[in-house]
Amino acid sequence: EVQLVESGGGLVQPGGSLRLSCAASGFTFSSYDMIWVRQAPGKGLEWVSAMKSGGGGAYADSVKGRFTISRDNAKNTVSLQMNSLKPEDTAVYYCVAIGYWGQGTQVTVSS
């Protein structure tokens, strides 16, 4: 059974940082691309970042230069380091792989 469990969300002030993690199980983690998607209140889904199975990150223009994706194939985890957070980054962040979604973790950026 594929499982994706996100953690690390919370409330942070503008300009702050958070690190999201996604623990994956039930599939050969190292063989698959890992994706982060977010949904802001009242808005649609937005692709945020992805890392291919062989490494190499890609980012939405809205987060480029502020967010960094990484993966640890030994631990079956993918992380998203989020710096210089803005109120518009407020959203539920989902970890996605091979068509499966985690339950999401809430990130709120507010003073």
N, C-alpha and C. Protein backbone atom coordinates (compact mmCIF):
# COMPACT_ATOMS: atom_id res chain seq x y z
N GLU A 1 0.84 -1.18 0.00
CA GLU A 1 0.00 0.00 0.00
C GLU A 1 0.89 1.25 0.00
N VAL A 2 0.65 2.11 -0.97
CA VAL A 2 1.41 3.36 -1.04
C VAL A 2 0.93 4.32 0.05
N GLN A 3 1.88 4.86 0.78
CA GLN A 3 1.57 5.88 1.78
C GLN A 3 2.54 7.03 1.66
N LEU A 4 2.00 8.23 1.76
CA LEU A 4 2.78 9.46 1.76
C LEU A 4 2.31 10.27 2.96
N VAL A 5 3.22 10.58 3.86
CA VAL A 5 2.86 11.28 5.09
C VAL A 5 3.70 12.54 5.21
N GLU A 6 3.01 13.67 5.11
CA GLU A 6 3.70 14.95 5.21
C GLU A 6 3.79 15.41 6.66
N SER A 7 4.80 16.20 6.94
CA SER A 7 4.96 16.80 8.26
C SER A 7 5.73 18.10 8.11
N GLY A 8 5.71 18.90 9.17
CA GLY A 8 6.53 20.10 9.19
C GLY A 8 5.79 21.41 8.97
N GLY A 9 4.50 21.34 8.69
CA GLY A 9 3.76 22.58 8.51
C GLY A 9 3.57 23.33 9.82
N GLY A 10 3.03 24.53 9.71
CA GLY A 10 2.77 25.31 10.90
C GLY A 10 2.55 26.77 10.57
N LEU A 11 2.58 27.58 11.61
CA LEU A 11 2.40 29.03 11.48
C LEU A 11 3.77 29.70 11.56
N VAL A 12 4.04 30.56 10.63
CA VAL A 12 5.32 31.26 10.59
C VAL A 12 5.09 32.69 10.15
N GLN A 13 5.93 33.59 10.62
CA GLN A 13 5.82 34.98 10.22
C GLN A 13 6.41 35.20 8.83
N PRO A 14 5.96 36.22 8.13
CA PRO A 14 6.57 36.54 6.84
C PRO A 14 8.08 36.69 6.97
N GLY A 15 8.77 36.13 6.00
CA GLY A 15 10.23 36.13 6.04
C GLY A 15 10.83 34.94 6.74
N GLY A 16 9.99 34.16 7.39
CA GLY A 16 10.48 32.99 8.12
C GLY A 16 10.69 31.78 7.23
N SER A 17 11.03 30.68 7.89
CA SER A 17 11.34 29.43 7.17
C SER A 17 10.60 28.26 7.78
N LEU A 18 10.33 27.29 6.95
CA LEU A 18 9.79 26.00 7.39
C LEU A 18 10.40 24.92 6.50
N ARG A 19 10.46 23.74 7.06
CA ARG A 19 10.93 22.58 6.28
C ARG A 19 9.87 21.51 6.33
N LEU A 20 9.33 21.20 5.18
CA LEU A 20 8.34 20.13 5.07
C LEU A 20 9.04 18.83 4.72
N SER A 21 8.52 17.75 5.24
CA SER A 21 9.03 16.43 4.90
C SER A 21 7.88 15.53 4.50
N CYS A 22 8.20 14.57 3.67
CA CYS A 22 7.23 13.57 3.23
C CYS A 22 7.89 12.21 3.34
N ALA A 23 7.31 11.35 4.17
CA ALA A 23 7.79 10.00 4.33
C ALA A 23 6.98 9.08 3.42
N ALA A 24 7.66 8.35 2.57
CA ALA A 24 7.00 7.51 1.59
C ALA A 24 7.21 6.04 1.90
N SER A 25 6.22 5.23 1.56
CA SER A 25 6.34 3.79 1.73
C SER A 25 5.42 3.09 0.75
N GLY A 26 5.69 1.82 0.52
CA GLY A 26 4.82 1.02 -0.33
C GLY A 26 5.19 1.00 -1.79
N PHE A 27 6.29 1.62 -2.16
CA PHE A 27 6.77 1.59 -3.53
C PHE A 27 8.28 1.80 -3.53
N THR A 28 8.90 1.59 -4.67
CA THR A 28 10.35 1.75 -4.78
C THR A 28 10.65 3.24 -4.94
N PHE A 29 10.84 3.87 -3.80
CA PHE A 29 10.94 5.33 -3.74
C PHE A 29 11.97 5.88 -4.73
N SER A 30 13.12 5.26 -4.78
CA SER A 30 14.23 5.80 -5.58
C SER A 30 13.93 5.80 -7.07
N SER A 31 12.90 5.09 -7.49
CA SER A 31 12.61 4.96 -8.92
C SER A 31 11.63 6.00 -9.44
N TYR A 32 11.08 6.81 -8.54
CA TYR A 32 9.98 7.69 -8.94
C TYR A 32 10.26 9.16 -8.65
N ASP A 33 9.71 10.01 -9.53
CA ASP A 33 9.74 11.43 -9.28
C ASP A 33 8.85 11.76 -8.08
N MET A 34 9.25 12.75 -7.33
CA MET A 34 8.47 13.20 -6.18
C MET A 34 8.07 14.66 -6.40
N ILE A 35 6.86 14.98 -6.04
CA ILE A 35 6.27 16.27 -6.38
C ILE A 35 5.64 16.89 -5.14
N TRP A 36 5.74 18.21 -5.05
CA TRP A 36 5.00 18.98 -4.05
C TRP A 36 3.98 19.85 -4.79
N VAL A 37 2.76 19.82 -4.30
CA VAL A 37 1.65 20.61 -4.84
C VAL A 37 1.00 21.32 -3.67
N ARG A 38 0.48 22.52 -3.89
CA ARG A 38 -0.19 23.23 -2.81
C ARG A 38 -1.55 23.74 -3.26
N GLN A 39 -2.37 23.99 -2.27
CA GLN A 39 -3.68 24.59 -2.53
C GLN A 39 -3.94 25.67 -1.51
N ALA A 40 -3.98 26.90 -1.99
CA ALA A 40 -4.28 28.04 -1.13
C ALA A 40 -5.78 28.11 -0.87
N PRO A 41 -6.18 28.77 0.21
CA PRO A 41 -7.60 28.87 0.53
C PRO A 41 -8.40 29.45 -0.63
N GLY A 42 -9.42 28.76 -1.05
CA GLY A 42 -10.29 29.25 -2.11
C GLY A 42 -9.72 29.21 -3.50
N LYS A 43 -8.55 28.57 -3.67
CA LYS A 43 -7.90 28.53 -4.98
C LYS A 43 -7.68 27.10 -5.43
N GLY A 44 -7.25 26.96 -6.66
CA GLY A 44 -7.00 25.64 -7.21
C GLY A 44 -5.63 25.11 -6.83
N LEU A 45 -5.33 23.93 -7.31
CA LEU A 45 -4.05 23.30 -7.04
C LEU A 45 -2.94 24.00 -7.82
N GLU A 46 -1.79 24.14 -7.18
CA GLU A 46 -0.63 24.75 -7.81
C GLU A 46 0.57 23.83 -7.66
N TRP A 47 1.18 23.45 -8.75
CA TRP A 47 2.42 22.68 -8.70
C TRP A 47 3.51 23.59 -8.13
N VAL A 48 4.27 23.06 -7.18
CA VAL A 48 5.30 23.85 -6.49
C VAL A 48 6.70 23.42 -6.91
N SER A 49 6.97 22.12 -6.81
CA SER A 49 8.33 21.67 -7.04
C SER A 49 8.31 20.17 -7.32
N ALA A 50 9.36 19.70 -7.96
CA ALA A 50 9.49 18.28 -8.24
C ALA A 50 10.95 17.90 -8.28
N MET A 51 11.19 16.65 -7.93
CA MET A 51 12.54 16.13 -8.05
C MET A 51 12.47 14.78 -8.73
N LYS A 52 13.23 14.64 -9.81
CA LYS A 52 13.24 13.39 -10.54
C LYS A 52 13.94 12.30 -9.73
N SER A 53 13.70 11.09 -10.14
CA SER A 53 14.29 9.96 -9.43
C SER A 53 15.81 10.04 -9.41
N GLY A 54 16.37 10.60 -10.45
CA GLY A 54 17.83 10.71 -10.53
C GLY A 54 18.38 12.00 -9.97
N GLY A 55 17.51 12.79 -9.34
CA GLY A 55 17.96 14.06 -8.79
C GLY A 55 17.66 15.20 -9.73
N GLY A 56 17.88 16.39 -9.27
CA GLY A 56 17.58 17.56 -10.07
C GLY A 56 16.21 18.09 -9.73
N GLY A 57 16.17 19.30 -9.22
CA GLY A 57 14.90 19.89 -8.82
C GLY A 57 14.36 20.87 -9.84
N ALA A 58 13.04 21.01 -9.84
CA ALA A 58 12.37 22.00 -10.66
C ALA A 58 11.39 22.76 -9.78
N TYR A 59 11.16 24.02 -10.11
CA TYR A 59 10.38 24.88 -9.24
C TYR A 59 9.42 25.76 -10.03
N ALA A 60 8.30 26.04 -9.41
CA ALA A 60 7.41 27.04 -9.96
C ALA A 60 8.08 28.41 -9.85
N ASP A 61 7.77 29.29 -10.76
CA ASP A 61 8.37 30.62 -10.72
C ASP A 61 8.07 31.34 -9.41
N SER A 62 6.93 31.05 -8.84
CA SER A 62 6.50 31.72 -7.62
C SER A 62 7.36 31.37 -6.41
N VAL A 63 8.10 30.27 -6.48
CA VAL A 63 8.91 29.86 -5.32
C VAL A 63 10.39 29.75 -5.65
N LYS A 64 10.74 29.93 -6.90
CA LYS A 64 12.13 29.77 -7.32
C LYS A 64 13.03 30.74 -6.57
N GLY A 65 14.13 30.20 -6.07
CA GLY A 65 15.06 31.00 -5.31
C GLY A 65 14.77 31.06 -3.82
N ARG A 66 13.58 30.59 -3.44
CA ARG A 66 13.20 30.58 -2.02
C ARG A 66 13.02 29.17 -1.47
N PHE A 67 12.57 28.27 -2.31
CA PHE A 67 12.31 26.89 -1.89
C PHE A 67 13.38 25.98 -2.48
N THR A 68 13.71 24.93 -1.72
CA THR A 68 14.67 23.93 -2.20
C THR A 68 14.13 22.54 -1.90
N ILE A 69 14.06 21.73 -2.93
CA ILE A 69 13.60 20.36 -2.77
C ILE A 69 14.81 19.43 -2.65
N SER A 70 14.66 18.40 -1.83
CA SER A 70 15.72 17.42 -1.71
C SER A 70 15.09 16.06 -1.41
N ARG A 71 15.85 15.02 -1.64
CA ARG A 71 15.35 13.68 -1.34
C ARG A 71 16.46 12.84 -0.73
N ASP A 72 16.05 11.90 0.10
CA ASP A 72 16.97 10.95 0.71
C ASP A 72 16.44 9.56 0.37
N ASN A 73 17.04 8.96 -0.63
CA ASN A 73 16.55 7.66 -1.08
C ASN A 73 16.78 6.55 -0.05
N ALA A 74 17.74 6.75 0.82
CA ALA A 74 18.00 5.75 1.87
C ALA A 74 16.90 5.77 2.93
N LYS A 75 16.30 6.95 3.12
CA LYS A 75 15.26 7.09 4.14
C LYS A 75 13.86 7.20 3.54
N ASN A 76 13.78 7.15 2.22
CA ASN A 76 12.48 7.27 1.53
C ASN A 76 11.76 8.55 1.91
N THR A 77 12.48 9.64 1.91
CA THR A 77 11.87 10.92 2.25
C THR A 77 12.21 11.98 1.20
N VAL A 78 11.30 12.89 1.04
CA VAL A 78 11.52 14.08 0.23
C VAL A 78 11.18 15.28 1.09
N SER A 79 11.99 16.32 0.97
CA SER A 79 11.81 17.50 1.81
C SER A 79 11.68 18.74 0.96
N LEU A 80 11.06 19.74 1.54
CA LEU A 80 10.94 21.03 0.88
C LEU A 80 11.34 22.10 1.90
N GLN A 81 12.51 22.67 1.69
CA GLN A 81 12.97 23.77 2.55
C GLN A 81 12.40 25.06 1.99
N MET A 82 11.65 25.76 2.82
CA MET A 82 10.97 26.97 2.37
C MET A 82 11.52 28.16 3.16
N ASN A 83 12.15 29.06 2.47
CA ASN A 83 12.73 30.26 3.08
C ASN A 83 12.02 31.50 2.57
N SER A 84 12.23 32.59 3.26
CA SER A 84 11.65 33.88 2.86
C SER A 84 10.16 33.74 2.55
N LEU A 85 9.47 33.13 3.47
CA LEU A 85 8.05 32.84 3.23
C LEU A 85 7.22 34.11 3.17
N LYS A 86 6.21 34.05 2.32
CA LYS A 86 5.31 35.18 2.10
C LYS A 86 3.88 34.77 2.46
N PRO A 87 3.03 35.71 2.76
CA PRO A 87 1.63 35.36 3.05
C PRO A 87 0.98 34.56 1.92
N GLU A 88 1.38 34.83 0.70
CA GLU A 88 0.80 34.10 -0.43
C GLU A 88 1.28 32.65 -0.52
N ASP A 89 2.21 32.27 0.31
CA ASP A 89 2.62 30.87 0.39
C ASP A 89 1.69 30.06 1.29
N THR A 90 0.77 30.74 1.96
CA THR A 90 -0.19 30.05 2.82
C THR A 90 -1.02 29.07 1.99
N ALA A 91 -1.01 27.81 2.40
CA ALA A 91 -1.69 26.76 1.63
C ALA A 91 -1.55 25.44 2.36
N VAL A 92 -2.32 24.48 1.89
CA VAL A 92 -2.07 23.09 2.28
C VAL A 92 -1.10 22.53 1.25
N TYR A 93 -0.03 21.92 1.75
CA TYR A 93 1.01 21.38 0.89
C TYR A 93 0.89 19.86 0.85
N TYR A 94 0.87 19.34 -0.37
CA TYR A 94 0.72 17.90 -0.57
C TYR A 94 1.96 17.32 -1.22
N CYS A 95 2.30 16.13 -0.79
CA CYS A 95 3.34 15.32 -1.41
C CYS A 95 2.64 14.35 -2.36
N VAL A 96 3.16 14.25 -3.58
CA VAL A 96 2.51 13.44 -4.61
C VAL A 96 3.54 12.53 -5.28
N ALA A 97 3.14 11.29 -5.50
CA ALA A 97 3.99 10.35 -6.22
C ALA A 97 3.13 9.29 -6.88
N ILE A 98 3.45 8.97 -8.10
CA ILE A 98 2.77 7.92 -8.90
C ILE A 98 1.26 7.97 -8.73
N GLY A 99 0.72 9.16 -8.73
CA GLY A 99 -0.72 9.31 -8.65
C GLY A 99 -1.31 9.26 -7.26
N TYR A 100 -0.47 9.04 -6.27
CA TYR A 100 -0.93 9.02 -4.89
C TYR A 100 -0.61 10.35 -4.22
N TRP A 101 -1.50 10.75 -3.30
CA TRP A 101 -1.36 12.00 -2.57
C TRP A 101 -1.30 11.73 -1.07
N GLY A 102 -0.50 12.54 -0.39
CA GLY A 102 -0.54 12.51 1.06
C GLY A 102 -1.76 13.26 1.56
N GLN A 103 -1.88 13.35 2.87
CA GLN A 103 -3.03 14.01 3.48
C GLN A 103 -2.87 15.52 3.52
N GLY A 104 -1.66 15.99 3.31
CA GLY A 104 -1.39 17.42 3.29
C GLY A 104 -0.97 17.95 4.65
N THR A 105 -0.23 19.04 4.62
CA THR A 105 0.18 19.73 5.84
C THR A 105 -0.04 21.22 5.63
N GLN A 106 -0.63 21.85 6.63
CA GLN A 106 -1.00 23.27 6.51
C GLN A 106 0.20 24.16 6.80
N VAL A 107 0.41 25.11 5.92
CA VAL A 107 1.41 26.15 6.12
C VAL A 107 0.68 27.49 6.13
N THR A 108 0.86 28.23 7.21
CA THR A 108 0.24 29.55 7.32
C THR A 108 1.32 30.58 7.57
N VAL A 109 1.37 31.57 6.70
CA VAL A 109 2.36 32.64 6.82
C VAL A 109 1.61 33.93 7.16
N SER A 110 1.79 34.36 8.39
CA SER A 110 1.03 35.51 8.86
C SER A 110 1.73 36.16 10.04
N SER A 111 1.58 37.45 10.15
CA SER A 111 2.13 38.16 11.30
C SER A 111 1.08 38.30 12.39
